[in-house]
Protein backbone atom coordinates (compact mmCIF):
# COMPACT_ATOMS: atom_id res chain seq x y z
CA MET A 1 -37.28 -92.80 -20.81
CA ALA A 2 -40.78 -91.37 -20.89
CA SER A 3 -43.60 -93.45 -19.51
CA PHE A 4 -46.35 -91.46 -21.22
CA THR A 5 -46.90 -91.04 -24.93
CA LEU A 6 -48.99 -88.40 -26.68
CA ALA A 7 -50.13 -90.76 -29.42
CA ALA A 8 -53.51 -92.46 -29.46
CA THR A 9 -53.37 -96.20 -28.92
CA SER A 10 -56.86 -96.89 -30.24
CA ALA A 11 -59.07 -95.39 -32.92
CA ASP A 12 -61.62 -94.46 -30.26
CA ASP A 13 -59.20 -92.35 -28.19
CA VAL A 14 -58.33 -89.49 -30.53
CA GLY A 15 -58.20 -85.97 -29.11
CA GLY A 16 -56.53 -84.33 -32.09
CA ILE A 17 -53.94 -84.86 -34.80
CA ILE A 18 -50.49 -83.38 -35.29
CA CYS A 19 -49.63 -82.49 -38.89
CA SER A 20 -46.07 -81.66 -39.90
CA PHE A 21 -45.28 -78.64 -42.06
CA ASP A 22 -42.09 -77.34 -43.62
CA SER A 23 -40.90 -74.22 -41.81
CA ARG A 24 -41.73 -72.06 -44.83
CA TRP A 25 -45.46 -72.50 -43.96
CA GLN A 26 -45.17 -71.12 -40.42
CA ASN A 27 -46.01 -67.47 -41.22
CA ALA A 28 -48.93 -68.37 -43.50
CA ILE A 29 -50.38 -70.60 -40.78
CA HIS A 30 -49.79 -68.14 -37.93
CA ASP A 31 -51.17 -65.24 -40.00
CA GLY A 32 -54.39 -67.18 -40.65
CA ARG A 33 -53.90 -67.36 -44.43
CA ILE A 34 -54.36 -71.15 -44.45
CA LYS A 35 -58.02 -72.19 -44.64
CA ALA A 36 -57.44 -75.58 -46.30
CA ILE A 37 -54.77 -78.16 -45.59
CA PHE A 38 -54.08 -80.75 -48.26
CA ARG A 39 -52.78 -84.24 -47.50
CA LYS A 40 -52.30 -87.36 -49.62
CA LYS A 41 -52.93 -89.69 -46.69
CA ARG A 42 -56.42 -89.94 -45.25
CA LEU A 43 -57.60 -90.60 -41.74
CA ALA A 44 -59.16 -93.99 -41.09
CA LYS A 45 -61.83 -92.64 -38.72
CA THR A 46 -63.87 -89.50 -38.21
CA PRO A 47 -61.43 -86.60 -37.74
CA PRO A 48 -61.02 -84.98 -34.33
CA GLN A 49 -61.89 -81.39 -33.53
CA TRP A 50 -58.30 -80.04 -33.54
CA LEU A 51 -55.27 -80.13 -35.82
CA TYR A 52 -51.97 -79.26 -34.11
CA VAL A 53 -49.25 -77.69 -36.24
CA TYR A 54 -45.74 -79.09 -36.00
CA VAL A 55 -43.26 -76.87 -37.87
CA GLY A 56 -40.10 -78.67 -39.00
CA SER A 57 -36.48 -77.60 -38.88
CA PRO A 58 -35.14 -75.15 -37.89
CA VAL A 59 -38.24 -74.42 -35.73
CA SER A 60 -38.89 -78.07 -34.76
CA SER A 61 -41.86 -77.25 -32.52
CA ILE A 62 -45.61 -77.50 -32.15
CA THR A 63 -46.45 -73.85 -32.72
CA ALA A 64 -50.22 -73.63 -33.23
CA ARG A 65 -53.52 -75.43 -33.49
CA VAL A 66 -56.57 -74.94 -35.70
CA PRO A 67 -60.09 -76.29 -35.36
CA ILE A 68 -61.07 -78.76 -38.06
CA GLU A 69 -64.33 -77.52 -39.57
CA SER A 70 -64.72 -80.22 -42.21
CA VAL A 71 -62.81 -82.91 -44.04
CA GLU A 72 -63.38 -84.33 -47.46
CA VAL A 73 -61.76 -86.45 -50.08
CA MET A 74 -61.45 -84.28 -53.16
CA ALA A 75 -60.55 -85.10 -56.75
CA LEU A 76 -57.20 -83.54 -57.56
CA GLN A 77 -58.76 -81.21 -60.16
CA ASP A 78 -61.25 -79.89 -57.56
CA ALA A 79 -58.47 -79.44 -55.00
CA LEU A 80 -56.44 -77.44 -57.53
CA GLU A 81 -59.40 -75.07 -57.91
CA ILE A 82 -59.26 -74.20 -54.19
CA ALA A 83 -55.46 -74.23 -53.87
CA GLU A 84 -55.43 -70.56 -52.84
CA GLU A 85 -57.33 -71.52 -49.64
CA GLY A 86 -54.14 -73.35 -48.67
CA ASP A 87 -51.95 -70.40 -49.70
CA ILE A 88 -50.40 -72.61 -52.36
CA SER A 89 -50.32 -72.31 -56.15
CA PRO A 90 -52.16 -74.92 -58.22
CA GLU A 91 -48.82 -75.82 -59.80
CA GLU A 92 -47.15 -76.47 -56.45
CA LEU A 93 -50.17 -78.42 -55.18
CA SER A 94 -50.11 -80.55 -58.34
CA LYS A 95 -46.41 -81.23 -57.81
CA TYR A 96 -47.10 -82.21 -54.17
CA ALA A 97 -49.92 -84.56 -55.26
CA GLY A 98 -47.64 -86.38 -57.69
CA ALA A 99 -49.48 -89.42 -59.04
CA ALA A 100 -52.37 -89.05 -56.56
CA THR A 101 -55.76 -88.53 -58.20
CA GLU A 102 -57.41 -87.27 -55.00
CA LEU A 103 -56.40 -85.38 -51.87
CA PHE A 104 -57.68 -85.34 -48.32
CA VAL A 105 -58.68 -81.72 -47.56
CA PHE A 106 -59.04 -80.32 -44.04
CA LYS A 107 -61.00 -77.06 -43.93
CA VAL A 108 -59.84 -75.23 -40.82
CA GLY A 109 -60.94 -72.29 -38.71
CA ALA A 110 -59.11 -69.54 -36.85
CA VAL A 111 -55.56 -70.35 -35.80
CA GLN A 112 -54.46 -70.30 -32.17
CA VAL A 113 -50.73 -69.70 -31.84
CA ALA A 114 -49.05 -71.43 -28.89
CA LYS A 115 -48.04 -69.08 -26.11
CA VAL A 116 -45.23 -71.55 -25.42
CA PRO A 117 -44.05 -73.43 -28.56
CA LEU A 118 -43.29 -77.06 -27.72
CA GLY A 119 -39.85 -78.05 -29.00
CA SER A 120 -39.22 -81.52 -30.36
CA ASP A 121 -36.33 -82.19 -27.91
CA LYS A 122 -38.60 -81.85 -24.88
CA LEU A 123 -41.45 -83.69 -26.57
CA ARG A 124 -39.14 -86.55 -27.55
CA ALA A 125 -37.55 -86.80 -24.08
CA ASP A 126 -40.74 -86.47 -22.06
CA TYR A 127 -43.36 -88.05 -24.34
CA ARG A 128 -41.58 -90.21 -26.96
CA PHE A 129 -42.70 -87.81 -29.72
CA PHE A 130 -41.20 -88.19 -33.17
CA PRO A 131 -42.69 -86.04 -35.96
CA SER A 132 -44.32 -87.80 -38.89
CA PRO A 133 -44.36 -86.59 -42.50
CA ASN A 134 -48.13 -87.21 -42.51
CA PHE A 135 -49.89 -86.93 -39.17
CA ILE A 136 -49.98 -88.41 -35.68
CA ARG A 137 -53.23 -89.22 -33.92
CA LEU A 138 -53.17 -87.77 -30.40
CA SER A 139 -54.89 -89.43 -27.48
CA GLU A 140 -57.37 -87.32 -25.48
CA SER A 141 -54.80 -87.07 -22.68
CA GLY A 142 -52.06 -86.25 -25.20
CA ALA A 143 -54.10 -83.35 -26.61
CA LYS A 144 -54.80 -82.07 -23.09
CA THR A 145 -51.09 -82.26 -22.27
CA ILE A 146 -50.16 -80.23 -25.37
CA ASP A 147 -52.91 -77.70 -24.61
CA ARG A 148 -51.58 -77.25 -21.06
CA LEU A 149 -47.88 -77.05 -21.98
CA ALA A 150 -48.41 -74.74 -24.99
CA LYS A 151 -50.86 -72.64 -22.95
CA PHE A 152 -53.59 -72.75 -25.59
CA LYS A 153 -56.81 -71.13 -24.50
CA LYS A 154 -59.51 -73.47 -23.28
CA LYS A 155 -61.44 -75.39 -25.92
CA GLU A 156 -65.00 -74.26 -26.35
């Protein structure tokens, strides 16, 4: 069993977040078409600098990261007006939102694709990683570990 976890254990030790995406979003993310990421669940604290992309089955890997440029809580109607920034139709975004009247919107910068995608089997065995449908707060050391293993270029 792993003795080290990637997850943050306190709100003050957050080096990034991992967000899960359906595999159909992989190309849009990797091609840089995603400039806004919509979530129903909000972060409790100030967001970190980086959002790591976990792509679900059949990929089941951390495949990229994007810098978080800004975050805001947006009324659903306002979020629908910028849906194209997330490469999603207003209709699909409305369906995702369900009964929610507001969404948490991450505006993100240029994508960095992992040179070595990190598969969930290794992450689970070595670091007790289990993907979340929302997001996972990474510790500073967890983010550094992912950066090293995925061979992301150095943070600036």
